[in-house]
Every structure is written in structure tokens, then in C-alpha cells.
All heavy atoms as atom14 arrays in JSON, in Angstrom:
{
  "sequence": "EKLLSMETVALGCYCKAGTFCHRHILKEAVIKLLEQRGLP",
  "atom14_mask": [
    [1, 1, 1, 1, 1, 1, 1, 1, 1, 0, 0, 0, 0, 0],
    [1, 1, 1, 1, 1, 1, 1, 1, 1, 0, 0, 0, 0, 0],
    [1, 1, 1, 1, 1, 1, 1, 1, 0, 0, 0, 0, 0, 0],
    [1, 1, 1, 1, 1, 1, 1, 1, 0, 0, 0, 0, 0, 0],
    [1, 1, 1, 1, 1, 1, 0, 0, 0, 0, 0, 0, 0, 0],
    [1, 1, 1, 1, 1, 1, 1, 1, 0, 0, 0, 0, 0, 0],
    [1, 1, 1, 1, 1, 1, 1, 1, 1, 0, 0, 0, 0, 0],
    [1, 1, 1, 1, 1, 1, 1, 0, 0, 0, 0, 0, 0, 0],
    [1, 1, 1, 1, 1, 1, 1, 0, 0, 0, 0, 0, 0, 0],
    [1, 1, 1, 1, 1, 0, 0, 0, 0, 0, 0, 0, 0, 0],
    [1, 1, 1, 1, 1, 1, 1, 1, 0, 0, 0, 0, 0, 0],
    [1, 1, 1, 1, 0, 0, 0, 0, 0, 0, 0, 0, 0, 0],
    [1, 1, 1, 1, 1, 1, 0, 0, 0, 0, 0, 0, 0, 0],
    [1, 1, 1, 1, 1, 1, 1, 1, 1, 1, 1, 1, 0, 0],
    [1, 1, 1, 1, 1, 1, 0, 0, 0, 0, 0, 0, 0, 0],
    [1, 1, 1, 1, 1, 1, 1, 1, 1, 0, 0, 0, 0, 0],
    [1, 1, 1, 1, 1, 0, 0, 0, 0, 0, 0, 0, 0, 0],
    [1, 1, 1, 1, 0, 0, 0, 0, 0, 0, 0, 0, 0, 0],
    [1, 1, 1, 1, 1, 1, 1, 0, 0, 0, 0, 0, 0, 0],
    [1, 1, 1, 1, 1, 1, 1, 1, 1, 1, 1, 0, 0, 0],
    [1, 1, 1, 1, 1, 1, 0, 0, 0, 0, 0, 0, 0, 0],
    [1, 1, 1, 1, 1, 1, 1, 1, 1, 1, 0, 0, 0, 0],
    [1, 1, 1, 1, 1, 1, 1, 1, 1, 1, 1, 0, 0, 0],
    [1, 1, 1, 1, 1, 1, 1, 1, 1, 1, 0, 0, 0, 0],
    [1, 1, 1, 1, 1, 1, 1, 1, 0, 0, 0, 0, 0, 0],
    [1, 1, 1, 1, 1, 1, 1, 1, 0, 0, 0, 0, 0, 0],
    [1, 1, 1, 1, 1, 1, 1, 1, 1, 0, 0, 0, 0, 0],
    [1, 1, 1, 1, 1, 1, 1, 1, 1, 0, 0, 0, 0, 0],
    [1, 1, 1, 1, 1, 0, 0, 0, 0, 0, 0, 0, 0, 0],
    [1, 1, 1, 1, 1, 1, 1, 0, 0, 0, 0, 0, 0, 0],
    [1, 1, 1, 1, 1, 1, 1, 1, 0, 0, 0, 0, 0, 0],
    [1, 1, 1, 1, 1, 1, 1, 1, 1, 0, 0, 0, 0, 0],
    [1, 1, 1, 1, 1, 1, 1, 1, 0, 0, 0, 0, 0, 0],
    [1, 1, 1, 1, 1, 1, 1, 1, 0, 0, 0, 0, 0, 0],
    [1, 1, 1, 1, 1, 1, 1, 1, 1, 0, 0, 0, 0, 0],
    [1, 1, 1, 1, 1, 1, 1, 1, 1, 0, 0, 0, 0, 0],
    [1, 1, 1, 1, 1, 1, 1, 1, 1, 1, 1, 0, 0, 0],
    [1, 1, 1, 1, 0, 0, 0, 0, 0, 0, 0, 0, 0, 0],
    [1, 1, 1, 1, 1, 1, 1, 1, 0, 0, 0, 0, 0, 0],
    [1, 1, 1, 1, 1, 1, 1, 0, 0, 0, 0, 0, 0, 0]
  ],
  "atom14_positions": [
    [[-12.47, 0.76, 10.67], [-11.3, 1.56, 11.05], [-10.19, 0.67, 11.63], [-9.02, 0.88, 11.35], [-11.7, 2.67, 12.05], [-12.62, 3.71, 11.49], [-12.04, 4.55, 10.36], [-10.79, 4.53, 10.13], [-12.83, 5.23, 9.69], [0.0, 0.0, 0.0], [0.0, 0.0, 0.0], [0.0, 0.0, 0.0], [0.0, 0.0, 0.0], [0.0, 0.0, 0.0]],
    [[-10.6, -0.34, 12.38], [-9.62, -1.28, 12.94], [-8.91, -2.0, 11.81], [-7.68, -2.15, 11.82], [-10.28, -2.26, 13.91], [-9.33, -3.21, 14.55], [-10.02, -4.09, 15.55], [-9.02, -5.08, 16.14], [-9.65, -6.0, 17.09], [0.0, 0.0, 0.0], [0.0, 0.0, 0.0], [0.0, 0.0, 0.0], [0.0, 0.0, 0.0], [0.0, 0.0, 0.0]],
    [[-9.67, -2.47, 10.8], [-9.09, -3.14, 9.67], [-8.14, -2.22, 8.91], [-7.0, -2.59, 8.61], [-10.17, -3.67, 8.73], [-9.73, -4.18, 7.37], [-8.71, -5.33, 7.51], [-10.93, -4.59, 6.54], [0.0, 0.0, 0.0], [0.0, 0.0, 0.0], [0.0, 0.0, 0.0], [0.0, 0.0, 0.0], [0.0, 0.0, 0.0], [0.0, 0.0, 0.0]],
    [[-8.57, -0.98, 8.67], [-7.75, -0.06, 7.9], [-6.46, 0.35, 8.62], [-5.51, 0.78, 7.97], [-8.57, 1.19, 7.54], [-9.72, 0.93, 6.58], [-10.54, 2.24, 6.42], [-9.24, 0.43, 5.23], [0.0, 0.0, 0.0], [0.0, 0.0, 0.0], [0.0, 0.0, 0.0], [0.0, 0.0, 0.0], [0.0, 0.0, 0.0], [0.0, 0.0, 0.0]],
    [[-6.44, 0.16, 9.93], [-5.25, 0.53, 10.71], [-4.23, -0.63, 10.83], [-3.15, -0.45, 11.36], [-5.64, 1.01, 12.1], [-6.12, -0.08, 12.89], [0.0, 0.0, 0.0], [0.0, 0.0, 0.0], [0.0, 0.0, 0.0], [0.0, 0.0, 0.0], [0.0, 0.0, 0.0], [0.0, 0.0, 0.0], [0.0, 0.0, 0.0], [0.0, 0.0, 0.0]],
    [[-4.6, -1.81, 10.36], [-3.71, -2.96, 10.49], [-2.5, -2.8, 9.54], [-2.61, -2.27, 8.46], [-4.46, -4.26, 10.14], [-5.57, -4.57, 11.12], [-6.52, -6.04, 10.69], [-5.33, -7.32, 11.18], [0.0, 0.0, 0.0], [0.0, 0.0, 0.0], [0.0, 0.0, 0.0], [0.0, 0.0, 0.0], [0.0, 0.0, 0.0], [0.0, 0.0, 0.0]],
    [[-1.35, -3.28, 10.02], [-0.14, -3.22, 9.21], [-0.17, -4.34, 8.16], [0.33, -4.13, 7.05], [1.09, -3.36, 10.1], [1.37, -2.14, 10.94], [2.63, -2.27, 11.74], [3.58, -2.99, 11.26], [2.72, -1.67, 12.8], [0.0, 0.0, 0.0], [0.0, 0.0, 0.0], [0.0, 0.0, 0.0], [0.0, 0.0, 0.0], [0.0, 0.0, 0.0]],
    [[-0.68, -5.48, 8.54], [-0.74, -6.64, 7.66], [-2.0, -7.4, 7.92], [-2.44, -7.52, 9.09], [0.49, -7.57, 7.91], [1.69, -6.83, 7.82], [0.51, -8.73, 6.94], [0.0, 0.0, 0.0], [0.0, 0.0, 0.0], [0.0, 0.0, 0.0], [0.0, 0.0, 0.0], [0.0, 0.0, 0.0], [0.0, 0.0, 0.0], [0.0, 0.0, 0.0]],
    [[-2.62, -7.96, 6.88], [-3.84, -8.75, 7.06], [-3.99, -9.72, 5.89], [-3.6, -9.42, 4.77], [-5.08, -7.87, 7.2], [-5.42, -7.13, 5.93], [-6.29, -8.69, 7.67], [0.0, 0.0, 0.0], [0.0, 0.0, 0.0], [0.0, 0.0, 0.0], [0.0, 0.0, 0.0], [0.0, 0.0, 0.0], [0.0, 0.0, 0.0], [0.0, 0.0, 0.0]],
    [[-4.55, -10.9, 6.2], [-4.96, -11.85, 5.17], [-6.46, -11.98, 5.29], [-7.0, -12.37, 6.34], [-4.27, -13.21, 5.39], [0.0, 0.0, 0.0], [0.0, 0.0, 0.0], [0.0, 0.0, 0.0], [0.0, 0.0, 0.0], [0.0, 0.0, 0.0], [0.0, 0.0, 0.0], [0.0, 0.0, 0.0], [0.0, 0.0, 0.0], [0.0, 0.0, 0.0]],
    [[-7.18, -11.64, 4.22], [-8.63, -11.71, 4.18], [-9.0, -13.13, 3.81], [-8.7, -13.58, 2.69], [-9.22, -10.71, 3.19], [-8.8, -9.25, 3.41], [-9.26, -8.39, 2.27], [-9.28, -8.74, 4.75], [0.0, 0.0, 0.0], [0.0, 0.0, 0.0], [0.0, 0.0, 0.0], [0.0, 0.0, 0.0], [0.0, 0.0, 0.0], [0.0, 0.0, 0.0]],
    [[-9.65, -13.85, 4.72], [-9.94, -15.27, 4.5], [-11.34, -15.63, 4.26], [-12.29, -14.98, 4.74], [0.0, 0.0, 0.0], [0.0, 0.0, 0.0], [0.0, 0.0, 0.0], [0.0, 0.0, 0.0], [0.0, 0.0, 0.0], [0.0, 0.0, 0.0], [0.0, 0.0, 0.0], [0.0, 0.0, 0.0], [0.0, 0.0, 0.0], [0.0, 0.0, 0.0]],
    [[-11.52, -16.69, 3.45], [-12.82, -17.24, 3.14], [-12.6, -18.74, 2.84], [-11.48, -19.17, 2.67], [-13.41, -16.54, 1.94], [-15.07, -17.15, 1.51], [0.0, 0.0, 0.0], [0.0, 0.0, 0.0], [0.0, 0.0, 0.0], [0.0, 0.0, 0.0], [0.0, 0.0, 0.0], [0.0, 0.0, 0.0], [0.0, 0.0, 0.0], [0.0, 0.0, 0.0]],
    [[-13.67, -19.49, 2.75], [-13.6, -20.93, 2.47], [-13.4, -21.24, 1.01], [-12.96, -22.37, 0.68], [-14.86, -21.65, 2.98], [-15.01, -21.56, 4.49], [-15.98, -20.76, 5.05], [-14.17, -22.3, 5.32], [-16.11, -20.67, 6.43], [-14.29, -22.21, 6.69], [-15.29, -21.41, 7.23], [-15.39, -21.33, 8.6], [0.0, 0.0, 0.0], [0.0, 0.0, 0.0]],
    [[-13.64, -20.33, 0.11], [-13.51, -20.58, -1.33], [-12.06, -20.92, -1.7], [-11.13, -20.41, -1.13], [-13.94, -19.37, -2.14], [-15.66, -18.9, -1.85], [0.0, 0.0, 0.0], [0.0, 0.0, 0.0], [0.0, 0.0, 0.0], [0.0, 0.0, 0.0], [0.0, 0.0, 0.0], [0.0, 0.0, 0.0], [0.0, 0.0, 0.0], [0.0, 0.0, 0.0]],
    [[-11.92, -21.8, -2.69], [-10.6, -22.2, -3.14], [-9.92, -21.04, -3.89], [-10.61, -20.24, -4.53], [-10.7, -23.41, -4.08], [-11.14, -24.66, -3.35], [-11.21, -25.84, -4.28], [-11.66, -27.06, -3.48], [-11.81, -28.24, -4.36], [0.0, 0.0, 0.0], [0.0, 0.0, 0.0], [0.0, 0.0, 0.0], [0.0, 0.0, 0.0], [0.0, 0.0, 0.0]],
    [[-8.62, -21.04, -3.87], [-7.86, -20.04, -4.63], [-8.16, -20.14, -6.08], [-8.39, -21.24, -6.62], [-6.35, -20.24, -4.37], [0.0, 0.0, 0.0], [0.0, 0.0, 0.0], [0.0, 0.0, 0.0], [0.0, 0.0, 0.0], [0.0, 0.0, 0.0], [0.0, 0.0, 0.0], [0.0, 0.0, 0.0], [0.0, 0.0, 0.0], [0.0, 0.0, 0.0]],
    [[-8.25, -19.02, -6.78], [-8.48, -19.01, -8.19], [-9.95, -19.03, -8.6], [-10.26, -19.03, -9.79], [0.0, 0.0, 0.0], [0.0, 0.0, 0.0], [0.0, 0.0, 0.0], [0.0, 0.0, 0.0], [0.0, 0.0, 0.0], [0.0, 0.0, 0.0], [0.0, 0.0, 0.0], [0.0, 0.0, 0.0], [0.0, 0.0, 0.0], [0.0, 0.0, 0.0]],
    [[-10.86, -19.06, -7.62], [-12.29, -19.07, -7.93], [-12.89, -17.71, -7.56], [-12.3, -16.97, -6.77], [-13.04, -20.18, -7.18], [-12.9, -19.99, -5.77], [-12.49, -21.55, -7.52], [0.0, 0.0, 0.0], [0.0, 0.0, 0.0], [0.0, 0.0, 0.0], [0.0, 0.0, 0.0], [0.0, 0.0, 0.0], [0.0, 0.0, 0.0], [0.0, 0.0, 0.0]],
    [[-14.04, -17.43, -8.1], [-14.75, -16.21, -7.73], [-15.03, -16.25, -6.24], [-15.52, -17.24, -5.71], [-16.07, -16.12, -8.51], [-16.91, -14.94, -8.11], [-16.63, -13.69, -8.62], [-17.94, -15.09, -7.21], [-17.4, -12.59, -8.27], [-18.72, -14.0, -6.86], [-18.44, -12.75, -7.37], [0.0, 0.0, 0.0], [0.0, 0.0, 0.0], [0.0, 0.0, 0.0]],
    [[-14.71, -15.16, -5.53], [-14.87, -15.13, -4.08], [-14.96, -13.7, -3.58], [-14.29, -12.81, -4.09], [-13.68, -15.82, -3.41], [-13.79, -15.81, -1.61], [0.0, 0.0, 0.0], [0.0, 0.0, 0.0], [0.0, 0.0, 0.0], [0.0, 0.0, 0.0], [0.0, 0.0, 0.0], [0.0, 0.0, 0.0], [0.0, 0.0, 0.0], [0.0, 0.0, 0.0]],
    [[-15.78, -13.51, -2.56], [-15.98, -12.15, -2.02], [-14.71, -11.6, -1.37], [-14.62, -10.4, -1.23], [-17.13, -12.16, -0.99], [-16.79, -12.72, 0.32], [-16.78, -14.09, 0.59], [-16.44, -12.1, 1.47], [-16.42, -14.26, 1.83], [-16.24, -13.08, 2.4], [0.0, 0.0, 0.0], [0.0, 0.0, 0.0], [0.0, 0.0, 0.0], [0.0, 0.0, 0.0]],
    [[-13.78, -12.44, -0.96], [-12.57, -11.88, -0.33], [-11.81, -10.96, -1.27], [-11.17, -10.01, -0.83], [-11.67, -12.99, 0.26], [-11.02, -13.87, -0.75], [-10.16, -14.95, -0.02], [-9.53, -15.87, -0.9], [-9.94, -17.12, -1.11], [-10.97, -17.62, -0.5], [-9.25, -17.89, -1.93], [0.0, 0.0, 0.0], [0.0, 0.0, 0.0], [0.0, 0.0, 0.0]],
    [[-11.9, -11.22, -2.58], [-11.23, -10.37, -3.53], [-11.98, -9.06, -3.7], [-11.36, -8.0, -3.9], [-11.07, -11.11, -4.86], [-10.34, -12.41, -4.7], [-8.99, -12.48, -4.44], [-10.78, -13.7, -4.73], [-8.62, -13.74, -4.31], [-9.7, -14.52, -4.47], [0.0, 0.0, 0.0], [0.0, 0.0, 0.0], [0.0, 0.0, 0.0], [0.0, 0.0, 0.0]],
    [[-13.3, -9.11, -3.64], [-14.12, -7.89, -3.72], [-13.83, -7.04, -2.5], [-13.68, -5.83, -2.58], [-15.59, -8.26, -3.82], [-15.88, -9.1, -5.08], [-16.45, -6.99, -3.81], [-17.24, -9.75, -5.13], [0.0, 0.0, 0.0], [0.0, 0.0, 0.0], [0.0, 0.0, 0.0], [0.0, 0.0, 0.0], [0.0, 0.0, 0.0], [0.0, 0.0, 0.0]],
    [[-13.74, -7.65, -1.33], [-13.43, -6.93, -0.09], [-12.06, -6.32, -0.2], [-11.87, -5.16, 0.17], [-13.51, -7.88, 1.11], [-13.08, -7.28, 2.46], [-13.92, -6.06, 2.82], [-13.17, -8.34, 3.54], [0.0, 0.0, 0.0], [0.0, 0.0, 0.0], [0.0, 0.0, 0.0], [0.0, 0.0, 0.0], [0.0, 0.0, 0.0], [0.0, 0.0, 0.0]],
    [[-11.08, -7.05, -0.71], [-9.75, -6.5, -0.88], [-9.77, -5.25, -1.73], [-9.14, -4.24, -1.43], [-8.78, -7.54, -1.41], [-7.36, -7.0, -1.61], [-6.38, -8.07, -2.02], [-6.56, -8.45, -3.44], [-5.48, -9.32, -3.97], [0.0, 0.0, 0.0], [0.0, 0.0, 0.0], [0.0, 0.0, 0.0], [0.0, 0.0, 0.0], [0.0, 0.0, 0.0]],
    [[-10.53, -5.29, -2.83], [-10.66, -4.12, -3.71], [-11.24, -2.92, -2.93], [-10.76, -1.8, -3.1], [-11.56, -4.43, -4.9], [-11.0, -5.42, -5.88], [-12.05, -5.92, -6.88], [-13.19, -5.37, -6.91], [-11.71, -6.84, -7.64], [0.0, 0.0, 0.0], [0.0, 0.0, 0.0], [0.0, 0.0, 0.0], [0.0, 0.0, 0.0], [0.0, 0.0, 0.0]],
    [[-12.22, -3.2, -2.1], [-12.85, -2.12, -1.31], [-11.86, -1.53, -0.29], [-11.78, -0.3, -0.11], [-14.09, -2.63, -0.59], [0.0, 0.0, 0.0], [0.0, 0.0, 0.0], [0.0, 0.0, 0.0], [0.0, 0.0, 0.0], [0.0, 0.0, 0.0], [0.0, 0.0, 0.0], [0.0, 0.0, 0.0], [0.0, 0.0, 0.0], [0.0, 0.0, 0.0]],
    [[-11.1, -2.41, 0.36], [-10.13, -1.94, 1.32], [-9.05, -1.11, 0.65], [-8.68, -0.02, 1.13], [-9.49, -3.15, 2.09], [-8.3, -2.69, 2.93], [-10.55, -3.83, 2.95], [0.0, 0.0, 0.0], [0.0, 0.0, 0.0], [0.0, 0.0, 0.0], [0.0, 0.0, 0.0], [0.0, 0.0, 0.0], [0.0, 0.0, 0.0], [0.0, 0.0, 0.0]],
    [[-8.57, -1.56, -0.49], [-7.56, -0.8, -1.23], [-8.1, 0.54, -1.65], [-7.4, 1.58, -1.54], [-7.04, -1.64, -2.42], [-6.15, -2.78, -1.93], [-6.29, -0.77, -3.45], [-5.74, -3.81, -3.0], [0.0, 0.0, 0.0], [0.0, 0.0, 0.0], [0.0, 0.0, 0.0], [0.0, 0.0, 0.0], [0.0, 0.0, 0.0], [0.0, 0.0, 0.0]],
    [[-9.32, 0.6, -2.1], [-9.93, 1.86, -2.49], [-9.99, 2.82, -1.31], [-9.66, 4.01, -1.45], [-11.34, 1.63, -3.04], [-12.01, 2.85, -3.55], [-13.36, 2.5, -4.21], [-14.05, 3.74, -4.72], [-15.34, 3.45, -5.33], [0.0, 0.0, 0.0], [0.0, 0.0, 0.0], [0.0, 0.0, 0.0], [0.0, 0.0, 0.0], [0.0, 0.0, 0.0]],
    [[-10.35, 2.34, -0.14], [-10.4, 3.2, 1.05], [-9.03, 3.67, 1.45], [-8.83, 4.84, 1.83], [-11.08, 2.44, 2.22], [-12.58, 2.22, 2.07], [-13.08, 1.21, 3.1], [-13.33, 3.53, 2.19], [0.0, 0.0, 0.0], [0.0, 0.0, 0.0], [0.0, 0.0, 0.0], [0.0, 0.0, 0.0], [0.0, 0.0, 0.0], [0.0, 0.0, 0.0]],
    [[-8.03, 2.78, 1.38], [-6.66, 3.18, 1.7], [-6.18, 4.24, 0.73], [-5.56, 5.23, 1.15], [-5.73, 1.96, 1.65], [-5.96, 0.91, 2.74], [-5.18, -0.38, 2.4], [-5.57, 1.43, 4.11], [0.0, 0.0, 0.0], [0.0, 0.0, 0.0], [0.0, 0.0, 0.0], [0.0, 0.0, 0.0], [0.0, 0.0, 0.0], [0.0, 0.0, 0.0]],
    [[-6.48, 4.1, -0.55], [-6.08, 5.08, -1.54], [-6.78, 6.42, -1.29], [-6.11, 7.48, -1.39], [-6.41, 4.6, -2.96], [-5.5, 3.48, -3.42], [-5.91, 2.88, -4.76], [-7.06, 3.07, -5.21], [-5.05, 2.2, -5.36], [0.0, 0.0, 0.0], [0.0, 0.0, 0.0], [0.0, 0.0, 0.0], [0.0, 0.0, 0.0], [0.0, 0.0, 0.0]],
    [[-8.03, 6.41, -0.94], [-8.77, 7.64, -0.64], [-8.16, 8.4, 0.53], [-8.2, 9.61, 0.56], [-10.24, 7.34, -0.35], [-11.03, 6.96, -1.57], [-12.45, 6.53, -1.22], [-12.81, 6.39, -0.06], [-13.28, 6.3, -2.25], [0.0, 0.0, 0.0], [0.0, 0.0, 0.0], [0.0, 0.0, 0.0], [0.0, 0.0, 0.0], [0.0, 0.0, 0.0]],
    [[-7.59, 7.66, 1.44], [-6.97, 8.27, 2.63], [-5.48, 8.56, 2.44], [-4.81, 9.07, 3.33], [-7.12, 7.37, 3.84], [-8.58, 7.25, 4.26], [-8.77, 6.31, 5.4], [-10.17, 6.35, 5.85], [-10.55, 6.06, 7.07], [-9.68, 5.7, 7.96], [-11.8, 6.12, 7.39], [0.0, 0.0, 0.0], [0.0, 0.0, 0.0], [0.0, 0.0, 0.0]],
    [[-4.96, 8.2, 1.29], [-3.56, 8.41, 1.01], [-2.65, 7.51, 1.83], [-1.46, 7.86, 2.08], [0.0, 0.0, 0.0], [0.0, 0.0, 0.0], [0.0, 0.0, 0.0], [0.0, 0.0, 0.0], [0.0, 0.0, 0.0], [0.0, 0.0, 0.0], [0.0, 0.0, 0.0], [0.0, 0.0, 0.0], [0.0, 0.0, 0.0], [0.0, 0.0, 0.0]],
    [[-3.18, 6.37, 2.22], [-2.41, 5.44, 3.06], [-1.68, 4.41, 2.16], [-2.28, 3.91, 1.19], [-3.3, 4.71, 4.03], [-3.98, 5.64, 5.07], [-5.0, 4.84, 5.9], [-2.93, 6.26, 5.97], [0.0, 0.0, 0.0], [0.0, 0.0, 0.0], [0.0, 0.0, 0.0], [0.0, 0.0, 0.0], [0.0, 0.0, 0.0], [0.0, 0.0, 0.0]],
    [[-0.45, 4.06, 2.49], [0.3, 3.11, 1.68], [-0.2, 1.67, 1.88], [-0.69, 1.29, 2.93], [1.72, 3.26, 2.2], [1.56, 3.68, 3.63], [0.33, 4.55, 3.66], [0.0, 0.0, 0.0], [0.0, 0.0, 0.0], [0.0, 0.0, 0.0], [0.0, 0.0, 0.0], [0.0, 0.0, 0.0], [0.0, 0.0, 0.0], [0.0, 0.0, 0.0]]
  ]
}
């Protein structure tokens, strides 16, 4: 709930940009939750 209430966030991990990484999966999950709540 704290994460979903943030105005801005960068989800960080040690993986290099452009590689398979869980931060992108997490971002998808967060976006899905925001959409379910009708949050921009």
C-alpha cells in the first residue's frame, strides 16, 4: 500500500539495463494493481 501510494518511484535491481530482470515483472504487477484501482 505504501508503494502504491507513492507519487514517483524507481524500482531498482543490480541487473544491467536491457536484460531479463525481476524489476520489470514487479513494474508490471504494480501497474496492474494501479489499473485495478483506477489510479493514474
